[in-house]
């Protein structure tokens, strides 16, 4: 006896779980979804470069155009008269550079002298008339004399100083103002005879006070 609801509950079978507690239920394996995008075509291959032309040892029209003067019209050519004059002139022979110590000659000795007939060597002014060369030569001579004077100082061949420094010149002027004679000053300062007279007469040059 009982209600109809209790009878339905009794007739139903009781189900128990078929896996232990704490386990993860198995996931359903699904196939990967295929992309619906169309596949990209492969990149195009680079075109093969054209083979470079081989060098040619003969002149063609392209080489002649490349070597021609762009400012000169193509129709202009060298006249036969001008070409014959150039042939008669021959190769120019440069003159050697002028130098007092140069060993170059106007014509090489191994060449025919008749080839240089009528070609006179260049004429240069003498070195003695060149002011710059004269000054340099005088300076060189003074340097040699000053060096000889320094090397002979204190020797029996010493004739006295001729090249003076500023202190010696001032001492000469001071002694001359005091009334000392030129010979006395030259003996006292060991000067070469005639050096004091080169300073001029008394009063022309005086020491700074």
Foldseek 3Di string as FASTA:
>chain_A
DDDPVVVVVVVDDDDDDPDDPPDDDDDDDDDDDDDPDDDDDDDDDDDDDDDDDDDDPDDDPVNVVVPDDPVDDPVDDDDPVVVVVDVVVPDDQDADDDDPPDPDDRDDPVDDVVVCPPPDHDDDDDLVPDPVSVVVVVVVVVVVVVVVQVVCPPHPPRQFDQDDDPVLVQVLQVVVVVPDDPVVSCVVRRHHPPNSCVVPDRPPDHDDD
